[in-house]
């Protein structure tokens, strides 16, 4: 999940209806005309994407879903942990109905995505995951796309927008600016913030490693995380199990453990990514048109108007607070997320 050093919200989540609402735009936001309205869609309207596609891209053989017209403007939707492409199972049809070509890839270590070589280290530095998506765009001959994500997906989209802005038409970043500052991660946070990150410290232990390497235990852990970070989302067993299939990837434990251990300085990344990580350590600005989303019940998102990260976004910008919604925003409130994508595209 997201970078703990940018947040101070305690766990006190409270309760609320599962409906989503938008508060006003942040002061100074662009006055671009609104995009055409996205159709109404209840969470859980769609169960799956149908048959997935595959393509060799960079160090991976990527499994991905695709919806919409083949020659439409491209939106790439990026999931987080512990989730998979089904976070966008209701978002993709809404965007396809607006004429977008929607690409939803399984990130490294998830679902049907596989490493091409057994010799490739199963690492997951933030720049490595971002380069996976750039390689996917290259393989699909996509010059530029709207990027939209949450959790690992927001971070990945933020990185591409910061380092390769020519590849990004617009950005939707749930949780704001999530590029990891590893140096800041070395200092302790407020107790409530540390409490939110219990699983990160668990993964740093041998006990946590053993749990993640056992398929049944890892699936039980992931389901528990869902209940904590989306307290009003009444998902059923079938919804969770569809996503849990992605956790059976043979590289899942290695990738997840590496990512969280790397963030807090317990392991070093591959040297091939060092130059990108040096750039990211400087917390580069994002200049592409951006909408940031703040799910009010997400314990990892700083509450309010987005001021904690506003200065990182230097282009056309809007911030939206989403009431009564937790961490997995696109699956909990698909129409709200899809509308943000269409509106961000209009800012470009």
Protein backbone atom coordinates (compact mmCIF):
# COMPACT_ATOMS: atom_id res chain seq x y z
CA UNK A 1 0.00 0.00 0.00
CA UNK A 2 0.91 3.65 0.10
CA UNK A 3 3.72 5.72 1.56
CA UNK A 4 3.19 6.05 5.30
CA UNK A 5 5.30 9.20 5.65
CA UNK A 6 2.75 11.35 3.83
CA UNK A 7 -0.12 10.46 6.14
CA UNK A 8 -1.25 11.20 9.67
CA UNK A 9 -4.82 9.86 9.79
CA UNK A 10 -5.48 7.49 12.68
CA UNK A 11 -7.44 4.30 12.30
CA UNK A 12 -10.73 5.74 13.73
CA UNK A 13 -12.74 4.91 10.65
CA UNK A 14 -16.33 5.22 11.81
CA UNK A 15 -19.28 4.04 9.75
CA UNK A 16 -21.35 5.36 6.87
CA UNK A 17 -23.46 4.47 3.91
CA UNK A 18 -21.75 2.91 0.94
CA UNK A 19 -22.81 5.71 -1.40
CA UNK A 20 -20.11 8.08 -2.65
CA UNK A 21 -20.26 11.86 -2.98
CA UNK A 22 -17.92 14.54 -4.21
CA UNK A 23 -17.02 17.63 -2.26
CA UNK A 24 -15.99 20.89 -3.90
CA UNK A 25 -12.86 21.35 -5.97
CA UNK A 26 -9.72 22.52 -4.27
CA UNK A 27 -9.08 26.24 -4.52
CA UNK A 28 -7.24 27.07 -7.70
CA UNK A 29 -8.45 23.97 -9.53
CA UNK A 30 -8.87 24.10 -13.28
CA UNK A 31 -12.23 25.32 -14.55
CA UNK A 32 -12.30 22.88 -17.48
CA UNK A 33 -15.75 21.91 -18.72
CA UNK A 34 -17.06 18.70 -17.14
CA UNK A 35 -16.75 15.49 -19.08
CA UNK A 36 -19.85 13.68 -20.28
CA UNK A 37 -21.53 11.98 -17.35
CA UNK A 38 -20.57 8.39 -16.62
CA UNK A 39 -23.46 5.97 -16.46
CA UNK A 40 -24.65 4.86 -13.05
CA UNK A 41 -23.19 1.51 -12.00
CA UNK A 42 -23.57 -0.35 -8.72
CA UNK A 43 -20.50 -2.11 -7.32
CA UNK A 44 -20.55 -5.75 -8.32
CA UNK A 45 -22.47 -5.24 -11.57
CA UNK A 46 -19.82 -7.25 -13.44
CA UNK A 47 -18.14 -10.42 -12.21
CA UNK A 48 -15.18 -10.71 -14.56
CA UNK A 49 -13.48 -9.44 -17.71
CA UNK A 50 -13.78 -12.58 -19.77
CA UNK A 51 -10.72 -13.98 -21.47
CA UNK A 52 -7.51 -12.07 -20.68
CA UNK A 53 -4.86 -11.15 -23.22
CA UNK A 54 -1.09 -11.65 -22.92
CA UNK A 55 1.95 -9.85 -24.28
CA UNK A 56 5.69 -9.98 -23.66
CA UNK A 57 6.84 -6.65 -22.28
CA UNK A 58 10.22 -5.93 -20.70
CA UNK A 59 11.04 -8.70 -18.22
CA UNK A 60 7.45 -9.92 -18.06
CA UNK A 61 4.79 -11.85 -19.91
CA UNK A 62 1.89 -9.60 -18.90
CA UNK A 63 -1.68 -10.81 -18.47
CA UNK A 64 -4.15 -7.98 -18.97
CA UNK A 65 -7.81 -7.24 -19.55
CA UNK A 66 -8.95 -4.99 -22.36
CA UNK A 67 -12.27 -3.29 -23.00
CA UNK A 68 -13.57 -0.70 -25.44
CA UNK A 69 -12.74 0.19 -29.04
CA UNK A 70 -9.28 -0.81 -30.26
CA UNK A 71 -8.57 2.67 -31.62
CA UNK A 72 -10.06 4.68 -28.78
CA UNK A 73 -8.02 6.95 -26.49
CA UNK A 74 -6.22 4.73 -23.99
CA UNK A 75 -6.76 4.50 -20.25
CA UNK A 76 -4.49 2.21 -18.22
CA UNK A 77 -5.92 1.23 -14.82
CA UNK A 78 -3.42 0.06 -12.19
CA UNK A 79 -4.32 -1.96 -9.11
CA UNK A 80 -2.74 -2.08 -5.68
CA UNK A 81 -2.10 -4.56 -2.86
CA UNK A 82 -3.83 -6.79 -1.84
CA UNK A 83 -5.95 -6.52 -4.96
CA UNK A 84 -5.85 -7.32 -8.67
CA UNK A 85 -7.49 -6.31 -11.93
CA UNK A 86 -10.97 -6.96 -10.52
CA UNK A 87 -10.76 -3.64 -8.71
CA UNK A 88 -11.65 -2.19 -12.13
CA UNK A 89 -14.17 -4.80 -13.27
CA UNK A 90 -17.01 -2.26 -13.08
CA UNK A 91 -14.88 0.77 -14.07
CA UNK A 92 -13.68 -0.63 -17.40
CA UNK A 93 -17.16 -1.03 -18.99
CA UNK A 94 -18.13 2.49 -17.94
CA UNK A 95 -15.05 3.93 -19.65
CA UNK A 96 -15.48 1.66 -22.66
CA UNK A 97 -18.99 3.05 -23.09
CA UNK A 98 -17.42 6.52 -23.37
CA UNK A 99 -15.21 5.30 -26.21
CA UNK A 100 -12.01 4.60 -24.27
CA UNK A 101 -9.73 1.66 -24.88
CA UNK A 102 -9.18 0.39 -21.34
CA UNK A 103 -6.11 -1.69 -20.42
CA UNK A 104 -5.99 -3.34 -16.97
CA UNK A 105 -2.77 -5.33 -16.35
CA UNK A 106 -1.86 -7.69 -13.55
CA UNK A 107 1.24 -6.19 -11.92
CA UNK A 108 4.39 -8.28 -11.51
CA UNK A 109 3.81 -11.19 -9.15
CA UNK A 110 0.02 -11.06 -9.58
CA UNK A 111 -2.47 -13.19 -11.47
CA UNK A 112 -1.35 -14.50 -14.84
CA UNK A 113 1.63 -12.14 -15.21
CA UNK A 114 4.91 -14.07 -15.21
CA UNK A 115 8.61 -13.28 -15.40
CA UNK A 116 10.09 -14.34 -18.72
CA UNK A 117 13.27 -15.71 -17.13
CA UNK A 118 13.76 -17.77 -14.00
CA UNK A 119 16.99 -15.80 -13.54
CA UNK A 120 15.33 -12.39 -13.18
CA UNK A 121 15.40 -11.35 -9.50
CA UNK A 122 11.89 -11.19 -8.06
CA UNK A 123 12.31 -7.63 -6.86
CA UNK A 124 9.69 -4.88 -6.74
CA UNK A 125 11.32 -1.50 -6.37
CA UNK A 126 8.91 1.31 -7.18
CA UNK A 127 10.80 2.15 -10.38
CA UNK A 128 10.80 -1.50 -11.50
CA UNK A 129 7.00 -1.65 -11.34
CA UNK A 130 6.75 1.65 -13.21
CA UNK A 131 9.12 0.44 -15.91
CA UNK A 132 6.97 -2.67 -16.31
CA UNK A 133 4.07 -0.42 -17.34
CA UNK A 134 6.22 1.67 -19.67
CA UNK A 135 7.38 -1.59 -21.30
CA UNK A 136 3.74 -2.69 -21.60
CA UNK A 137 2.88 0.57 -23.34
CA UNK A 138 5.80 0.05 -25.72
CA UNK A 139 4.76 -3.53 -26.46
CA UNK A 140 1.19 -2.43 -27.18
CA UNK A 141 2.44 0.54 -29.23
CA UNK A 142 0.71 3.03 -26.95
CA UNK A 143 2.52 6.36 -27.10
CA UNK A 144 0.43 8.14 -24.47
CA UNK A 145 -2.38 7.19 -22.10
CA UNK A 146 -4.44 8.40 -19.20
CA UNK A 147 -3.11 6.58 -16.13
CA UNK A 148 -5.43 5.88 -13.21
CA UNK A 149 -4.80 3.87 -10.09
CA UNK A 150 -4.82 3.38 -6.36
CA UNK A 151 -2.27 2.08 -3.86
CA UNK A 152 0.68 0.52 -5.78
CA UNK A 153 -1.14 1.64 -8.91
CA UNK A 154 -1.20 5.30 -7.86
CA UNK A 155 2.48 5.21 -7.03
CA UNK A 156 3.29 3.58 -10.36
CA UNK A 157 1.23 6.13 -12.29
CA UNK A 158 2.78 9.03 -10.33
CA UNK A 159 6.28 7.79 -11.17
CA UNK A 160 5.57 7.50 -14.89
CA UNK A 161 3.98 10.95 -14.90
CA UNK A 162 7.00 12.42 -13.10
CA UNK A 163 9.80 10.69 -15.05
CA UNK A 164 8.17 10.15 -18.44
CA UNK A 165 5.48 12.87 -18.71
CA UNK A 166 5.42 12.57 -22.49
CA UNK A 167 3.75 9.16 -22.01
CA UNK A 168 0.92 10.46 -19.80
CA UNK A 169 -2.03 12.47 -21.11
CA UNK A 170 -3.63 12.81 -17.68
CA UNK A 171 -3.48 11.21 -14.25
CA UNK A 172 -5.94 10.02 -11.60
CA UNK A 173 -4.08 9.32 -8.38
CA UNK A 174 -6.03 7.98 -5.41
CA UNK A 175 -4.32 9.08 -2.22
CA UNK A 176 -2.33 11.88 -3.84
CA UNK A 177 1.43 11.88 -4.37
CA UNK A 178 2.69 8.42 -3.44
CA UNK A 179 6.28 8.29 -4.71
CA UNK A 180 8.19 6.66 -1.87
CA UNK A 181 10.80 8.68 -0.02
CA UNK A 182 12.97 5.88 1.41
CA UNK A 183 15.03 8.25 3.53
CA UNK A 184 11.92 9.60 5.22
CA UNK A 185 10.76 6.03 5.81
CA UNK A 186 13.70 5.48 8.16
CA UNK A 187 12.27 7.82 10.81
CA UNK A 188 9.42 6.73 13.10
CA UNK A 189 5.93 8.01 12.40
CA UNK A 190 3.14 8.85 14.85
CA UNK A 191 1.92 5.79 16.77
CA UNK A 192 -1.45 5.71 15.01
CA UNK A 193 0.28 5.73 11.63
CA UNK A 194 2.63 2.94 12.68
CA UNK A 195 -0.42 0.99 13.84
CA UNK A 196 -1.98 1.25 10.38
CA UNK A 197 1.13 -0.35 8.92
CA UNK A 198 1.12 -3.47 11.10
CA UNK A 199 1.40 -5.79 8.08
CA UNK A 200 4.52 -3.97 6.82
CA UNK A 201 6.30 -4.73 10.09
CA UNK A 202 4.89 -8.26 10.01
CA UNK A 203 6.38 -8.77 6.55
CA UNK A 204 9.75 -7.69 7.93
CA UNK A 205 9.79 -10.72 10.22
CA UNK A 206 10.41 -14.39 9.58
CA UNK A 207 6.87 -15.10 10.82
CA UNK A 208 5.42 -12.77 8.21
CA UNK A 209 7.59 -14.29 5.51
CA UNK A 210 6.37 -17.78 6.39
CA UNK A 211 2.76 -16.61 6.36
CA UNK A 212 3.12 -15.03 2.92
CA UNK A 213 4.82 -18.13 1.53
CA UNK A 214 1.86 -20.29 2.61
CA UNK A 215 -0.94 -19.77 0.09
CA UNK A 216 -3.80 -20.32 2.53
CA UNK A 217 -2.31 -18.02 5.17
CA UNK A 218 -1.56 -15.27 2.67
CA UNK A 219 -5.12 -15.37 1.34
CA UNK A 220 -6.54 -15.17 4.86
CA UNK A 221 -4.27 -12.21 5.63
CA UNK A 222 -5.30 -10.38 2.47
CA UNK A 223 -8.98 -10.84 3.24
CA UNK A 224 -8.44 -9.43 6.72
CA UNK A 225 -6.74 -6.37 5.24
CA UNK A 226 -9.77 -5.81 2.99
CA UNK A 227 -12.04 -5.61 6.02
CA UNK A 228 -9.80 -3.12 7.81
CA UNK A 229 -9.20 -0.64 5.02
CA UNK A 230 -12.71 -0.69 3.47
CA UNK A 231 -14.94 -0.79 6.55
CA UNK A 232 -18.26 -0.14 4.78
CA UNK A 233 -17.68 -2.31 1.70
CA UNK A 234 -19.97 -5.35 2.00
CA UNK A 235 -18.11 -7.60 -0.45
CA UNK A 236 -19.17 -11.24 -0.64
CA UNK A 237 -17.09 -14.42 -0.71
CA UNK A 238 -17.28 -14.73 -4.49
CA UNK A 239 -15.94 -11.20 -4.99
CA UNK A 240 -12.96 -11.85 -2.75
CA UNK A 241 -12.24 -15.28 -4.21
CA UNK A 242 -12.08 -13.92 -7.76
CA UNK A 243 -9.30 -11.59 -6.69
CA UNK A 244 -7.65 -14.15 -4.39
CA UNK A 245 -6.84 -16.28 -7.43
CA UNK A 246 -4.28 -13.61 -8.33
CA UNK A 247 -2.52 -14.22 -5.00
CA UNK A 248 -1.63 -17.77 -6.10
CA UNK A 249 0.99 -16.50 -8.57
CA UNK A 250 4.24 -18.37 -7.77
CA UNK A 251 6.13 -15.08 -7.43
CA UNK A 252 3.50 -13.32 -5.31
CA UNK A 253 5.16 -13.77 -1.92
CA UNK A 254 8.61 -12.80 -3.17
CA UNK A 255 7.37 -9.66 -4.93
CA UNK A 256 5.18 -8.44 -2.07
CA UNK A 257 7.77 -9.13 0.62
CA UNK A 258 10.48 -7.41 -1.39
CA UNK A 259 8.37 -4.34 -2.02
CA UNK A 260 7.56 -3.71 1.63
CA UNK A 261 11.00 -4.63 2.93
CA UNK A 262 12.65 -2.43 0.30
CA UNK A 263 10.55 0.58 1.25
CA UNK A 264 11.81 0.55 4.84
CA UNK A 265 15.45 -0.08 3.93
CA UNK A 266 15.73 -3.75 4.88
CA UNK A 267 16.83 -4.86 1.40
CA UNK A 268 18.58 -3.14 -1.47
CA UNK A 269 17.24 -3.05 -5.00
CA UNK A 270 18.82 -4.11 -8.25
CA UNK A 271 21.54 -1.81 -9.54
CA UNK A 272 19.78 -1.52 -12.90
CA UNK A 273 17.14 0.64 -11.17
CA UNK A 274 19.50 2.81 -9.12
CA UNK A 275 19.48 5.78 -11.51
CA UNK A 276 15.70 5.92 -11.46
CA UNK A 277 15.56 5.64 -7.69
CA UNK A 278 18.01 8.55 -7.37
CA UNK A 279 15.62 10.67 -9.41
CA UNK A 280 12.66 9.57 -7.33
CA UNK A 281 14.49 10.27 -4.07
CA UNK A 282 14.33 13.96 -5.04
CA UNK A 283 10.50 13.72 -5.02
CA UNK A 284 10.07 15.05 -8.58
CA UNK A 285 6.97 17.10 -9.39
CA UNK A 286 4.13 15.85 -11.56
CA UNK A 287 3.23 18.34 -14.27
CA UNK A 288 0.58 16.43 -16.21
CA UNK A 289 -3.14 17.22 -15.72
CA UNK A 290 -4.16 15.45 -12.52
CA UNK A 291 -7.15 14.66 -10.35
CA UNK A 292 -6.37 13.33 -6.87
CA UNK A 293 -8.96 11.38 -4.93
CA UNK A 294 -9.32 11.13 -1.15
CA UNK A 295 -11.52 8.23 0.01
CA UNK A 296 -12.74 9.41 3.40
CA UNK A 297 -12.65 6.00 5.11
CA UNK A 298 -9.22 5.02 3.80
CA UNK A 299 -6.86 4.95 6.81
CA UNK A 300 -3.87 5.60 4.53
CA UNK A 301 -5.12 8.80 2.90
CA UNK A 302 -4.56 12.15 4.58
CA UNK A 303 -8.00 13.68 5.16
CA UNK A 304 -9.09 17.06 3.88
CA UNK A 305 -8.26 19.10 0.83
CA UNK A 306 -5.10 17.36 -0.37
CA UNK A 307 -2.88 20.17 0.89
CA UNK A 308 -0.33 17.67 2.24
CA UNK A 309 0.72 16.83 -1.32
CA UNK A 310 -0.69 19.71 -3.41
CA UNK A 311 2.71 21.26 -4.14
CA UNK A 312 3.88 18.08 -5.91
CA UNK A 313 1.36 18.64 -8.73
CA UNK A 314 2.32 21.57 -10.93
CA UNK A 315 -0.08 21.20 -13.87
CA UNK A 316 -3.87 21.54 -14.17
CA UNK A 317 -5.24 20.01 -11.01
CA UNK A 318 -8.39 19.06 -9.10
CA UNK A 319 -8.82 17.35 -5.75
CA UNK A 320 -11.93 15.40 -4.76
CA UNK A 321 -12.90 13.96 -1.38
CA UNK A 322 -15.11 10.89 -1.61
CA UNK A 323 -17.40 10.37 1.36
CA UNK A 324 -18.06 6.97 2.96
CA UNK A 325 -15.63 5.03 0.74
CA UNK A 326 -12.53 3.06 1.73
CA UNK A 327 -9.21 2.11 0.21
CA UNK A 328 -10.38 0.08 -2.81
CA UNK A 329 -12.13 3.10 -4.33
CA UNK A 330 -12.59 1.89 -7.93
CA UNK A 331 -14.34 -1.30 -6.85
CA UNK A 332 -16.33 0.34 -4.05
CA UNK A 333 -17.42 3.36 -6.13
CA UNK A 334 -16.80 2.55 -9.81
CA UNK A 335 -18.85 5.41 -11.28
CA UNK A 336 -17.03 7.97 -9.14
CA UNK A 337 -13.66 6.62 -10.24
CA UNK A 338 -14.65 6.42 -13.92
CA UNK A 339 -15.98 9.99 -13.80
CA UNK A 340 -12.64 11.19 -12.39
CA UNK A 341 -10.84 9.51 -15.31
CA UNK A 342 -13.09 11.19 -17.88
CA UNK A 343 -12.75 14.55 -16.15
CA UNK A 344 -8.97 14.28 -15.90
CA UNK A 345 -8.83 13.63 -19.61
CA UNK A 346 -10.78 16.87 -20.12
CA UNK A 347 -8.13 18.77 -18.15
CA UNK A 348 -5.49 17.79 -20.68
